[in-house]
Protein backbone atom coordinates (compact mmCIF):
# COMPACT_ATOMS: atom_id res chain seq x y z
CA MET A 1 82.48 148.48 171.59
CA ASP A 2 85.48 150.16 173.19
CA LEU A 3 85.61 150.28 176.97
CA LEU A 4 85.00 153.67 178.51
CA PRO A 5 87.97 155.67 179.78
CA PRO A 6 87.90 156.55 183.49
CA PHE A 7 86.47 160.00 182.71
CA VAL A 8 84.12 161.20 179.96
CA SER A 9 83.20 164.74 178.93
CA VAL A 10 79.76 166.25 179.14
CA ASN A 11 79.69 166.43 175.32
CA TRP A 12 80.25 162.68 175.19
CA LEU A 13 77.39 162.10 177.63
CA VAL A 14 75.03 164.35 175.65
CA ASP A 15 75.68 162.16 172.61
CA HIS A 16 75.37 158.85 174.50
CA LEU A 17 72.75 159.59 177.14
CA ALA A 18 70.42 156.89 175.86
CA ASP A 19 73.19 154.27 175.86
CA VAL A 20 74.31 154.44 179.49
CA VAL A 21 72.94 154.19 183.00
CA VAL A 22 73.48 157.61 184.61
CA CYS A 23 74.05 157.61 188.35
CA ASP A 24 73.81 160.53 190.77
CA VAL A 25 76.16 159.82 193.70
CA ARG A 26 75.48 161.66 196.94
CA MET A 27 76.49 161.59 200.59
CA VAL A 28 74.54 163.48 203.22
CA ALA A 29 74.06 162.91 206.94
CA ASP A 30 70.41 161.89 206.56
CA PRO A 31 69.56 159.52 203.67
CA ALA A 32 66.15 161.19 203.43
CA ASP A 33 67.89 164.47 202.60
CA ALA A 34 69.81 162.76 199.79
CA PHE A 35 66.55 161.62 198.22
CA THR A 36 64.99 165.06 198.64
CA GLU A 37 67.93 166.83 197.02
CA TYR A 38 68.14 164.27 194.22
CA SER A 39 64.40 164.44 193.53
CA ALA A 40 64.56 168.21 193.22
CA HIS A 41 67.39 168.30 190.69
CA HIS A 42 69.19 165.57 188.72
CA LEU A 43 70.38 164.72 185.23
CA PRO A 44 67.79 163.15 182.91
CA GLY A 45 67.18 159.52 183.81
CA ALA A 46 69.76 159.51 186.60
CA VAL A 47 69.28 157.01 189.43
CA LEU A 48 70.30 157.84 192.99
CA VAL A 49 73.32 156.17 194.60
CA ASP A 50 74.05 156.87 198.25
CA LEU A 51 77.67 156.60 199.29
CA ASN A 52 77.00 155.47 202.85
CA ALA A 53 74.13 153.09 202.17
CA ASP A 54 75.11 151.67 198.79
CA LEU A 55 78.89 151.92 198.45
CA ALA A 56 80.15 151.18 201.95
CA ALA A 57 79.70 148.89 204.90
CA PRO A 58 79.19 150.39 208.37
CA ALA A 59 82.18 152.25 209.77
CA GLU A 60 84.45 150.24 212.04
CA ALA A 61 87.76 150.85 213.79
CA ILE A 62 90.75 149.61 211.75
CA LEU A 63 88.48 149.04 208.73
CA GLY A 64 87.73 152.77 208.48
CA ARG A 65 84.75 155.01 207.87
CA HIS A 66 83.83 153.54 204.48
CA PRO A 67 84.78 149.85 204.22
CA LEU A 68 83.81 148.13 201.01
CA PRO A 69 80.39 146.46 201.16
CA ASN A 70 80.37 142.71 200.77
CA PRO A 71 79.91 141.49 197.18
CA GLU A 72 76.35 140.32 197.86
CA HIS A 73 75.30 143.75 199.08
CA PHE A 74 76.89 145.51 196.12
CA ALA A 75 75.29 143.09 193.67
CA ALA A 76 71.90 143.82 195.22
CA VAL A 77 72.52 147.56 194.87
CA LEU A 78 73.40 147.20 191.19
CA ALA A 79 70.36 145.00 190.60
CA ARG A 80 68.08 147.61 192.20
CA LEU A 81 69.62 150.37 190.06
CA GLY A 82 68.99 148.40 186.86
CA ILE A 83 72.70 148.02 186.13
CA GLY A 84 73.19 144.74 184.30
CA SER A 85 76.56 143.11 183.85
CA ARG A 86 76.82 144.58 180.32
CA SER A 87 75.52 148.05 181.19
CA ARG A 88 77.72 151.09 180.67
CA VAL A 89 77.61 153.49 183.60
CA VAL A 90 78.40 157.18 183.90
CA ALA A 91 78.42 158.56 187.44
CA TYR A 92 78.44 162.18 188.52
CA ASP A 93 78.24 164.28 191.68
CA ASN A 94 78.48 167.90 192.73
CA THR A 95 81.82 167.47 194.50
CA ALA A 96 84.26 167.52 191.57
CA GLY A 97 84.00 163.77 191.08
CA ALA A 98 85.18 162.88 194.58
CA LEU A 99 82.17 160.68 195.33
CA ALA A 100 81.42 159.47 191.81
CA SER A 101 85.00 158.21 191.55
CA ARG A 102 84.43 155.77 194.41
CA PHE A 103 81.47 154.23 192.60
CA VAL A 104 83.26 154.12 189.25
CA TRP A 105 86.37 152.57 190.81
CA MET A 106 84.21 149.89 192.44
CA LEU A 107 82.47 149.14 189.15
CA ARG A 108 85.68 149.00 187.12
CA ALA A 109 87.26 146.81 189.80
CA ILE A 110 84.65 144.10 189.14
CA GLY A 111 84.88 144.46 185.37
CA GLN A 112 81.97 146.85 184.77
CA ASP A 113 82.30 149.49 182.04
CA ALA A 114 82.03 152.80 183.91
CA ALA A 115 83.28 156.39 183.87
CA VAL A 116 83.08 159.61 185.87
CA LEU A 117 81.41 162.62 184.25
CA GLY A 118 84.01 165.37 184.09
CA GLY A 119 82.70 168.54 185.71
CA GLY A 120 79.83 166.70 187.37
CA SER A 121 76.35 168.17 187.49
CA ASP A 122 77.75 171.70 187.10
CA ALA A 123 78.86 170.83 183.56
CA TRP A 124 75.46 169.58 182.38
CA PRO A 125 73.93 172.10 179.94
CA GLY A 126 70.37 171.17 180.85
CA PRO A 127 67.62 170.47 181.08
CA PHE A 128 67.52 168.83 184.50
CA GLU A 129 64.77 166.57 185.79
CA SER A 130 62.92 166.39 189.07
CA GLY A 131 61.23 163.52 190.81
CA PRO A 132 62.42 159.94 191.24
CA VAL A 133 63.44 157.77 188.29
CA HIS A 134 61.86 154.33 188.23
CA VAL A 135 63.97 151.54 186.74
CA GLU A 136 63.37 147.84 186.37
CA ALA A 137 65.52 145.69 188.61
CA VAL A 138 67.86 143.21 186.92
CA GLY A 139 69.58 140.03 188.00
CA ARG A 140 73.12 140.36 189.31
CA ALA A 141 75.52 137.75 190.63
CA PRO A 142 78.02 138.83 193.30
CA VAL A 143 81.60 139.40 192.16
CA ASP A 144 84.45 139.23 194.65
CA TRP A 145 86.63 142.29 195.13
CA PRO A 146 89.96 141.65 193.37
CA ASP A 147 92.77 141.26 195.89
CA GLU A 148 95.33 142.72 193.49
CA LEU A 149 93.58 146.10 193.55
CA LEU A 150 93.34 146.31 197.33
CA ALA A 151 95.89 146.98 200.06
CA THR A 152 95.85 146.31 203.77
CA SER A 153 97.79 148.19 206.44
CA ALA A 154 100.37 145.39 206.26
CA ASP A 155 100.68 145.97 202.51
CA VAL A 156 101.24 149.67 203.20
CA GLU A 157 104.04 148.90 205.65
CA ALA A 158 105.65 146.47 203.19
CA ALA A 159 105.41 148.98 200.35
CA LEU A 160 107.09 151.69 202.38
CA LYS A 161 109.92 149.34 203.40
CA SER A 162 110.53 148.31 199.78
CA GLY A 163 110.28 151.79 198.26
CA VAL A 164 106.90 151.36 196.57
CA PRO A 165 105.12 154.75 196.56
CA VAL A 166 102.27 155.30 199.01
CA ILE A 167 100.17 158.34 198.13
CA ASP A 168 98.03 160.36 200.53
CA SER A 169 95.23 161.94 198.48
CA ARG A 170 93.99 164.40 201.10
CA SER A 171 94.62 168.14 201.28
CA GLY A 172 98.01 169.36 202.42
CA GLU A 173 96.54 170.70 205.64
CA ARG A 174 95.14 167.33 206.62
CA PHE A 175 98.29 165.50 205.53
CA ARG A 176 100.44 167.77 207.70
CA GLY A 177 98.07 167.33 210.64
CA GLU A 178 97.17 171.01 210.84
CA VAL A 179 93.44 170.24 210.67
CA GLU A 180 91.40 167.06 210.91
CA PRO A 181 87.66 167.59 210.47
CA LEU A 182 86.63 163.94 210.31
CA ASP A 183 88.94 161.61 212.19
CA ALA A 184 89.97 161.65 215.85
CA ILE A 185 93.71 161.86 215.18
CA ALA A 186 95.46 164.21 212.74
CA GLY A 187 98.51 163.38 210.64
CA HIS A 188 99.57 160.91 207.98
CA ILE A 189 101.20 157.53 207.46
CA PRO A 190 104.97 157.99 207.91
CA GLY A 191 106.70 157.79 204.53
CA ALA A 192 103.60 158.60 202.48
CA VAL A 193 103.76 161.31 199.82
CA ASN A 194 101.03 163.94 199.66
CA LEU A 195 99.30 164.34 196.28
CA PRO A 196 95.84 165.89 196.79
CA PHE A 197 93.29 164.54 194.35
CA SER A 198 92.07 168.10 193.75
CA ASP A 199 95.42 168.98 192.14
CA HIS A 200 94.30 167.07 189.05
CA LEU A 201 91.14 169.14 188.59
CA GLN A 202 90.41 172.49 187.05
CA GLY A 203 86.81 173.60 187.32
CA GLY A 204 85.92 170.07 188.34
CA VAL A 205 87.36 168.67 185.10
CA LEU A 206 90.50 166.55 184.88
CA VAL A 207 93.49 168.50 183.53
CA ASN A 208 95.46 167.12 180.58
CA ASP A 209 97.38 163.87 180.93
CA PRO A 210 100.93 165.35 180.75
CA GLU A 211 100.20 167.52 183.80
CA ILE A 212 98.89 164.50 185.70
CA ARG A 213 101.88 162.37 184.71
CA ALA A 214 104.26 165.11 185.86
CA ARG A 215 102.57 165.30 189.27
CA PHE A 216 102.67 161.56 189.74
CA ALA A 217 106.30 161.44 188.59
CA ASP A 218 107.16 163.96 191.30
CA ALA A 219 105.49 161.59 193.76
CA GLY A 220 107.57 158.65 192.53
CA ILE A 221 105.06 157.10 190.13
CA ASP A 222 106.10 156.95 186.49
CA GLY A 223 104.43 153.73 185.39
CA SER A 224 107.55 151.61 185.86
CA THR A 225 106.34 149.73 188.97
CA GLU A 226 104.16 147.34 187.01
CA ASN A 227 104.81 144.33 189.23
CA VAL A 228 104.17 146.16 192.50
CA PRO A 229 101.54 148.86 191.94
CA PRO A 230 101.62 151.93 194.17
CA ILE A 231 99.14 152.32 197.01
CA MET A 232 96.79 155.27 197.37
CA TYR A 233 94.76 156.32 200.38
CA CYS A 234 92.78 159.29 201.67
CA GLY A 235 90.53 159.77 204.69
CA SER A 236 88.26 156.78 204.17
CA GLY A 237 88.98 155.26 200.76
CA VAL A 238 86.77 157.60 198.73
CA THR A 239 88.71 160.51 197.21
CA ALA A 240 91.77 158.30 196.69
CA CYS A 241 89.71 156.62 193.97
CA LEU A 242 89.90 159.82 191.93
CA ASN A 243 93.67 159.69 192.19
CA ILE A 244 93.65 156.05 191.07
CA LEU A 245 91.41 156.82 188.09
CA ALA A 246 93.52 159.88 187.20
CA ALA A 247 96.65 157.72 187.14
CA GLU A 248 94.90 155.18 184.91
CA SER A 249 93.67 157.97 182.62
CA ALA A 250 97.25 159.22 182.28
CA GLY A 251 98.49 155.78 181.26
CA LEU A 252 100.31 155.02 184.51
CA GLY A 253 98.70 151.65 185.11
CA PRO A 254 96.76 150.35 188.08
CA ALA A 255 97.19 151.32 191.72
CA ARG A 256 95.98 149.65 194.88
CA LEU A 257 93.43 151.24 197.18
CA TYR A 258 94.00 151.14 200.92
CA VAL A 259 90.31 151.17 201.71
CA GLY A 260 90.72 151.78 205.44
CA SER A 261 92.88 154.79 204.64
CA TRP A 262 93.61 157.31 207.40
CA SER A 263 90.41 156.49 209.31
CA GLY A 264 91.56 152.87 209.49
CA TRP A 265 95.26 153.49 210.06
CA SER A 266 94.70 156.04 212.83
CA THR A 267 92.46 153.61 214.74
CA THR A 268 94.90 150.70 214.45
CA PRO A 269 96.65 150.12 217.79
CA GLY A 270 100.37 150.87 217.55
CA ALA A 271 100.27 152.28 214.02
CA PRO A 272 102.89 155.04 213.69
CA ILE A 273 101.69 158.55 212.91
CA ALA A 274 103.58 161.48 211.39
CA THR A 275 102.78 165.18 211.12
CA GLY A 276 104.29 168.02 209.12
CA GLU A 277 105.83 167.63 205.68
């Protein structure tokens, strides 16, 4: 069986719904609200995944707003969701894949076959289901996060000094420091290139690969840096995952995720900060 690409179409999911574990990825301020919203409206058979509770450790200065959970915690989450080591997973959200991409990146990072549903819940033709979905828990062994797919702030500094691209996946306004709705300090990592993850989407669906390759080429990524993969970051290591998956989809190879991202960098004592273009 061929491994899933980073993104699958709604037509593909319609044809393979019985063969995959479908996951509804949500983030709301109150976990009870996430369950209420999910219970009212979700894809058939979809299980609920909460970004804050399931896909991140508690926020911490330097580590950022969404550090990776430890492998034991993530294994327990997958076990509870009924995702075995050989399960195929399709994740969706209602935020153009921004949240689902974090989950899919985490799964693919530990060798799990997983993809984001292009267009998210808005693309599903129906019918939808209501109420919780009960699944049988499975056994899962913890798998360490692969160091080669992660970057620290020191790795970011080294990459910038050696000319390896560092991509900021946030909106242009946040990159330039004109607005900052989530973190205490506005701006970006000096030397980073702005490539908003949303540039790759049209109607919540990934645009064609040549367009994505052209955008990444403009940002200095053309697939030639195989030995030293580029680094991508965002506000807290979530939406950058969509950029990473988009690059993989376009055949540009792997990239490293700076999980702490701007929320980690901006709370690191002495870390330089830039604004403007």
